[in-house]
Amino acid sequence: MQNYSDSNQTSQDSGDKPYIDIEVNNKYIIREFSQNIDPIELMWHRDDEDRTIEIVGDTDWLFQFDNQLPSQFKGNIFIKRHQWHRVVKGTGTLKLKIHLD
């Protein structure tokens, strides 16, 4: 069974996020996922706005759009508003830069 989350919905434990935002400004967010995260926390979800993400550093974590196979992070990834997606746990820490357009 796959876990899905809609960012439009309010969760009972909405304060618990599987990541931490380590830098936030009006141009981008640097987001980090710990190597100690339980993979079940990496739920399918969709966001309320278009976004472009890029990987910071090297990683073997994967990215997956709905109805596609997981793929390696290469270059920038554009995610359309309300498009289902998730990250798949690899080794080490995952650090992403989310561009705010």
N, C-alpha and C. Protein backbone atom coordinates (compact mmCIF):
# COMPACT_ATOMS: atom_id res chain seq x y z
N MET A 1 0.84 -1.19 0.00
CA MET A 1 0.00 0.00 0.00
C MET A 1 0.87 1.24 0.00
N GLN A 2 0.56 2.19 -0.85
CA GLN A 2 1.34 3.41 -0.93
C GLN A 2 0.70 4.49 -0.08
N ASN A 3 1.54 5.32 0.51
CA ASN A 3 1.06 6.44 1.30
C ASN A 3 0.96 7.67 0.43
N TYR A 4 -0.16 8.39 0.54
CA TYR A 4 -0.34 9.62 -0.21
C TYR A 4 -0.66 10.75 0.76
N SER A 5 -0.19 11.92 0.42
CA SER A 5 -0.48 13.09 1.22
C SER A 5 -0.78 14.25 0.28
N ASP A 6 -1.77 15.00 0.58
CA ASP A 6 -2.12 16.18 -0.20
C ASP A 6 -1.83 17.39 0.66
N SER A 7 -0.98 18.28 0.16
CA SER A 7 -0.61 19.44 0.97
C SER A 7 -1.81 20.34 1.26
N ASN A 8 -2.93 20.10 0.58
CA ASN A 8 -4.14 20.87 0.86
C ASN A 8 -4.88 20.33 2.07
N GLN A 9 -4.54 19.13 2.50
CA GLN A 9 -5.21 18.52 3.63
C GLN A 9 -4.46 18.81 4.91
N THR A 10 -5.20 18.87 6.01
CA THR A 10 -4.58 19.06 7.31
C THR A 10 -4.43 17.71 7.97
N SER A 11 -3.24 17.40 8.42
CA SER A 11 -2.96 16.13 9.06
C SER A 11 -3.02 16.31 10.58
N GLN A 12 -3.37 15.23 11.27
CA GLN A 12 -3.42 15.31 12.73
C GLN A 12 -2.04 15.61 13.31
N ASP A 13 -0.99 15.12 12.66
CA ASP A 13 0.35 15.39 13.16
C ASP A 13 1.10 16.27 12.17
N SER A 14 0.47 17.33 11.69
CA SER A 14 1.03 18.17 10.64
C SER A 14 2.33 18.85 11.06
N GLY A 15 2.66 18.87 12.35
CA GLY A 15 3.90 19.47 12.79
C GLY A 15 5.11 18.59 12.52
N ASP A 16 4.90 17.31 12.29
CA ASP A 16 5.99 16.38 12.03
C ASP A 16 6.23 16.29 10.54
N LYS A 17 7.32 16.85 10.07
CA LYS A 17 7.68 16.80 8.67
C LYS A 17 8.90 15.91 8.54
N PRO A 18 9.05 15.24 7.41
CA PRO A 18 10.19 14.33 7.22
C PRO A 18 11.47 15.06 6.84
N TYR A 19 11.49 16.37 6.94
CA TYR A 19 12.64 17.17 6.53
C TYR A 19 12.77 18.38 7.44
N ILE A 20 13.91 19.07 7.29
CA ILE A 20 14.06 20.37 7.95
C ILE A 20 14.48 21.38 6.88
N ASP A 21 13.98 22.59 6.99
CA ASP A 21 14.39 23.66 6.11
C ASP A 21 15.57 24.36 6.80
N ILE A 22 16.74 24.28 6.19
CA ILE A 22 17.93 24.84 6.84
C ILE A 22 18.26 26.25 6.36
N GLU A 23 17.65 26.66 5.26
CA GLU A 23 17.80 28.05 4.79
C GLU A 23 16.57 28.42 4.00
N VAL A 24 15.98 29.56 4.33
CA VAL A 24 14.79 30.03 3.63
C VAL A 24 14.97 31.51 3.33
N ASN A 25 14.76 31.89 2.07
CA ASN A 25 14.73 33.31 1.72
C ASN A 25 13.69 33.48 0.62
N ASN A 26 13.63 34.64 0.01
CA ASN A 26 12.57 34.89 -0.98
C ASN A 26 12.88 34.29 -2.35
N LYS A 27 14.05 33.66 -2.52
CA LYS A 27 14.42 33.06 -3.80
C LYS A 27 14.43 31.54 -3.78
N TYR A 28 14.73 30.95 -2.61
CA TYR A 28 14.82 29.49 -2.54
C TYR A 28 14.73 29.00 -1.10
N ILE A 29 14.54 27.68 -0.97
CA ILE A 29 14.58 26.97 0.31
C ILE A 29 15.62 25.86 0.18
N ILE A 30 16.49 25.72 1.15
CA ILE A 30 17.38 24.57 1.22
C ILE A 30 16.74 23.60 2.21
N ARG A 31 16.40 22.42 1.72
CA ARG A 31 15.68 21.42 2.51
C ARG A 31 16.55 20.18 2.65
N GLU A 32 16.53 19.60 3.86
CA GLU A 32 17.37 18.44 4.14
C GLU A 32 16.54 17.29 4.72
N PHE A 33 16.79 16.09 4.18
CA PHE A 33 16.18 14.86 4.66
C PHE A 33 17.28 14.04 5.30
N SER A 34 17.09 13.62 6.54
CA SER A 34 18.11 12.90 7.31
C SER A 34 18.30 11.48 6.80
N GLN A 35 19.51 10.99 6.95
CA GLN A 35 19.80 9.60 6.61
C GLN A 35 19.08 8.64 7.56
N ASN A 36 18.63 9.13 8.71
CA ASN A 36 17.96 8.29 9.70
C ASN A 36 16.44 8.23 9.54
N ILE A 37 15.91 8.86 8.51
CA ILE A 37 14.46 8.89 8.32
C ILE A 37 13.93 7.49 8.01
N ASP A 38 12.74 7.20 8.51
CA ASP A 38 12.06 5.96 8.18
C ASP A 38 11.45 6.16 6.79
N PRO A 39 11.74 5.29 5.83
CA PRO A 39 11.22 5.48 4.47
C PRO A 39 9.70 5.62 4.39
N ILE A 40 8.96 5.11 5.35
CA ILE A 40 7.50 5.23 5.35
C ILE A 40 7.07 6.70 5.47
N GLU A 41 7.94 7.55 5.99
CA GLU A 41 7.63 8.97 6.14
C GLU A 41 7.71 9.74 4.83
N LEU A 42 8.33 9.15 3.82
CA LEU A 42 8.49 9.80 2.52
C LEU A 42 7.27 9.51 1.66
N MET A 43 6.20 10.20 1.94
CA MET A 43 4.90 9.93 1.34
C MET A 43 4.75 10.59 -0.03
N TRP A 44 3.94 9.98 -0.86
CA TRP A 44 3.50 10.62 -2.09
C TRP A 44 2.76 11.89 -1.68
N HIS A 45 3.00 12.97 -2.40
CA HIS A 45 2.32 14.22 -2.07
C HIS A 45 2.26 15.11 -3.31
N ARG A 46 1.52 16.19 -3.17
CA ARG A 46 1.46 17.21 -4.22
C ARG A 46 1.46 18.57 -3.55
N ASP A 47 1.94 19.56 -4.27
CA ASP A 47 2.11 20.89 -3.72
C ASP A 47 1.16 21.87 -4.40
N ASP A 48 0.93 23.00 -3.75
CA ASP A 48 -0.02 24.00 -4.25
C ASP A 48 0.56 24.94 -5.30
N GLU A 49 1.85 24.80 -5.59
CA GLU A 49 2.46 25.68 -6.58
C GLU A 49 3.48 24.89 -7.41
N ASP A 50 3.75 25.41 -8.62
CA ASP A 50 4.83 24.85 -9.42
C ASP A 50 6.12 25.04 -8.65
N ARG A 51 7.08 24.15 -8.85
CA ARG A 51 8.38 24.32 -8.21
C ARG A 51 9.46 23.64 -9.04
N THR A 52 10.65 24.16 -8.91
CA THR A 52 11.83 23.55 -9.52
C THR A 52 12.77 23.18 -8.40
N ILE A 53 13.24 21.93 -8.41
CA ILE A 53 14.17 21.50 -7.38
C ILE A 53 15.49 21.08 -8.02
N GLU A 54 16.55 21.26 -7.28
CA GLU A 54 17.85 20.77 -7.73
C GLU A 54 18.55 20.11 -6.55
N ILE A 55 19.34 19.14 -6.85
CA ILE A 55 20.08 18.41 -5.83
C ILE A 55 21.29 19.24 -5.42
N VAL A 56 21.59 19.22 -4.14
CA VAL A 56 22.80 19.88 -3.62
C VAL A 56 23.75 18.76 -3.21
N GLY A 57 24.84 18.59 -3.93
CA GLY A 57 25.79 17.52 -3.64
C GLY A 57 25.44 16.25 -4.39
N ASP A 58 26.17 15.18 -4.07
CA ASP A 58 25.94 13.88 -4.70
C ASP A 58 25.04 13.04 -3.81
N THR A 59 24.21 12.21 -4.44
CA THR A 59 23.31 11.36 -3.66
C THR A 59 22.88 10.15 -4.48
N ASP A 60 22.48 9.11 -3.78
CA ASP A 60 21.87 7.97 -4.46
C ASP A 60 20.36 7.90 -4.16
N TRP A 61 19.82 8.93 -3.49
CA TRP A 61 18.38 9.02 -3.31
C TRP A 61 17.76 9.16 -4.71
N LEU A 62 16.49 8.81 -4.83
CA LEU A 62 15.80 8.86 -6.11
C LEU A 62 14.59 9.79 -6.04
N PHE A 63 14.13 10.22 -7.20
CA PHE A 63 12.94 11.05 -7.33
C PHE A 63 11.95 10.29 -8.18
N GLN A 64 10.64 10.41 -7.83
CA GLN A 64 9.63 9.68 -8.60
C GLN A 64 8.37 10.50 -8.79
N PHE A 65 7.93 10.60 -10.05
CA PHE A 65 6.61 11.13 -10.39
C PHE A 65 5.64 9.96 -10.41
N ASP A 66 4.36 10.25 -10.15
CA ASP A 66 3.32 9.23 -10.22
C ASP A 66 3.31 8.59 -11.61
N ASN A 67 3.10 7.28 -11.65
CA ASN A 67 3.05 6.49 -12.89
C ASN A 67 4.37 6.47 -13.65
N GLN A 68 5.48 6.72 -12.96
CA GLN A 68 6.81 6.62 -13.56
C GLN A 68 7.71 5.84 -12.61
N LEU A 69 8.78 5.30 -13.15
CA LEU A 69 9.77 4.63 -12.32
C LEU A 69 10.62 5.66 -11.60
N PRO A 70 11.15 5.34 -10.42
CA PRO A 70 12.07 6.26 -9.74
C PRO A 70 13.30 6.49 -10.62
N SER A 71 13.85 7.70 -10.54
CA SER A 71 15.05 8.02 -11.32
C SER A 71 16.04 8.80 -10.47
N GLN A 72 17.28 8.81 -10.93
CA GLN A 72 18.33 9.55 -10.22
C GLN A 72 18.08 11.04 -10.39
N PHE A 73 18.54 11.80 -9.39
CA PHE A 73 18.49 13.25 -9.48
C PHE A 73 19.55 13.70 -10.48
N LYS A 74 19.12 14.34 -11.55
CA LYS A 74 20.05 14.88 -12.55
C LYS A 74 19.54 16.25 -12.96
N GLY A 75 20.34 17.27 -12.79
CA GLY A 75 19.93 18.61 -13.16
C GLY A 75 18.74 19.07 -12.35
N ASN A 76 18.01 20.02 -12.90
CA ASN A 76 16.82 20.54 -12.23
C ASN A 76 15.61 19.70 -12.60
N ILE A 77 14.68 19.57 -11.65
CA ILE A 77 13.44 18.84 -11.88
C ILE A 77 12.29 19.83 -11.69
N PHE A 78 11.45 19.96 -12.72
CA PHE A 78 10.30 20.84 -12.63
C PHE A 78 9.09 20.00 -12.23
N ILE A 79 8.38 20.45 -11.20
CA ILE A 79 7.19 19.76 -10.69
C ILE A 79 6.00 20.71 -10.87
N LYS A 80 5.02 20.27 -11.64
CA LYS A 80 3.82 21.08 -11.85
C LYS A 80 2.96 21.10 -10.59
N ARG A 81 2.23 22.16 -10.42
CA ARG A 81 1.26 22.29 -9.33
C ARG A 81 0.34 21.08 -9.31
N HIS A 82 0.15 20.49 -8.15
CA HIS A 82 -0.73 19.35 -7.90
C HIS A 82 -0.29 18.05 -8.58
N GLN A 83 0.95 17.97 -9.02
CA GLN A 83 1.48 16.74 -9.61
C GLN A 83 2.02 15.84 -8.49
N TRP A 84 1.54 14.59 -8.42
CA TRP A 84 1.97 13.66 -7.39
C TRP A 84 3.44 13.30 -7.59
N HIS A 85 4.20 13.29 -6.48
CA HIS A 85 5.62 12.95 -6.54
C HIS A 85 6.13 12.57 -5.15
N ARG A 86 7.33 12.04 -5.11
CA ARG A 86 7.96 11.69 -3.84
C ARG A 86 9.46 11.52 -4.05
N VAL A 87 10.20 11.45 -2.93
CA VAL A 87 11.60 11.05 -2.96
C VAL A 87 11.68 9.65 -2.38
N VAL A 88 12.69 8.90 -2.83
CA VAL A 88 12.91 7.53 -2.38
C VAL A 88 14.25 7.51 -1.67
N LYS A 89 14.25 7.00 -0.44
CA LYS A 89 15.43 7.04 0.41
C LYS A 89 16.62 6.28 -0.19
N GLY A 90 17.77 6.92 -0.05
CA GLY A 90 19.04 6.31 -0.40
C GLY A 90 19.91 6.32 0.84
N THR A 91 21.22 6.38 0.65
CA THR A 91 22.14 6.46 1.78
C THR A 91 22.54 7.91 2.02
N GLY A 92 22.92 8.20 3.23
CA GLY A 92 23.36 9.55 3.57
C GLY A 92 22.19 10.52 3.63
N THR A 93 22.52 11.78 3.72
CA THR A 93 21.54 12.86 3.83
C THR A 93 21.22 13.40 2.44
N LEU A 94 19.96 13.72 2.20
CA LEU A 94 19.53 14.34 0.95
C LEU A 94 19.34 15.83 1.19
N LYS A 95 19.97 16.65 0.36
CA LYS A 95 19.82 18.10 0.45
C LYS A 95 19.34 18.62 -0.89
N LEU A 96 18.23 19.37 -0.86
CA LEU A 96 17.62 19.92 -2.07
C LEU A 96 17.53 21.43 -1.99
N LYS A 97 17.60 22.06 -3.15
CA LYS A 97 17.36 23.49 -3.26
C LYS A 97 16.05 23.65 -4.03
N ILE A 98 15.05 24.24 -3.38
CA ILE A 98 13.74 24.45 -3.99
C ILE A 98 13.65 25.91 -4.42
N HIS A 99 13.60 26.12 -5.72
CA HIS A 99 13.55 27.48 -6.26
C HIS A 99 12.13 28.03 -6.18
N LEU A 100 12.01 29.23 -5.65
CA LEU A 100 10.71 29.89 -5.54
C LEU A 100 10.60 30.91 -6.67
N ASP A 101 9.73 30.64 -7.62
CA ASP A 101 9.60 31.51 -8.80
C ASP A 101 8.51 32.52 -8.62
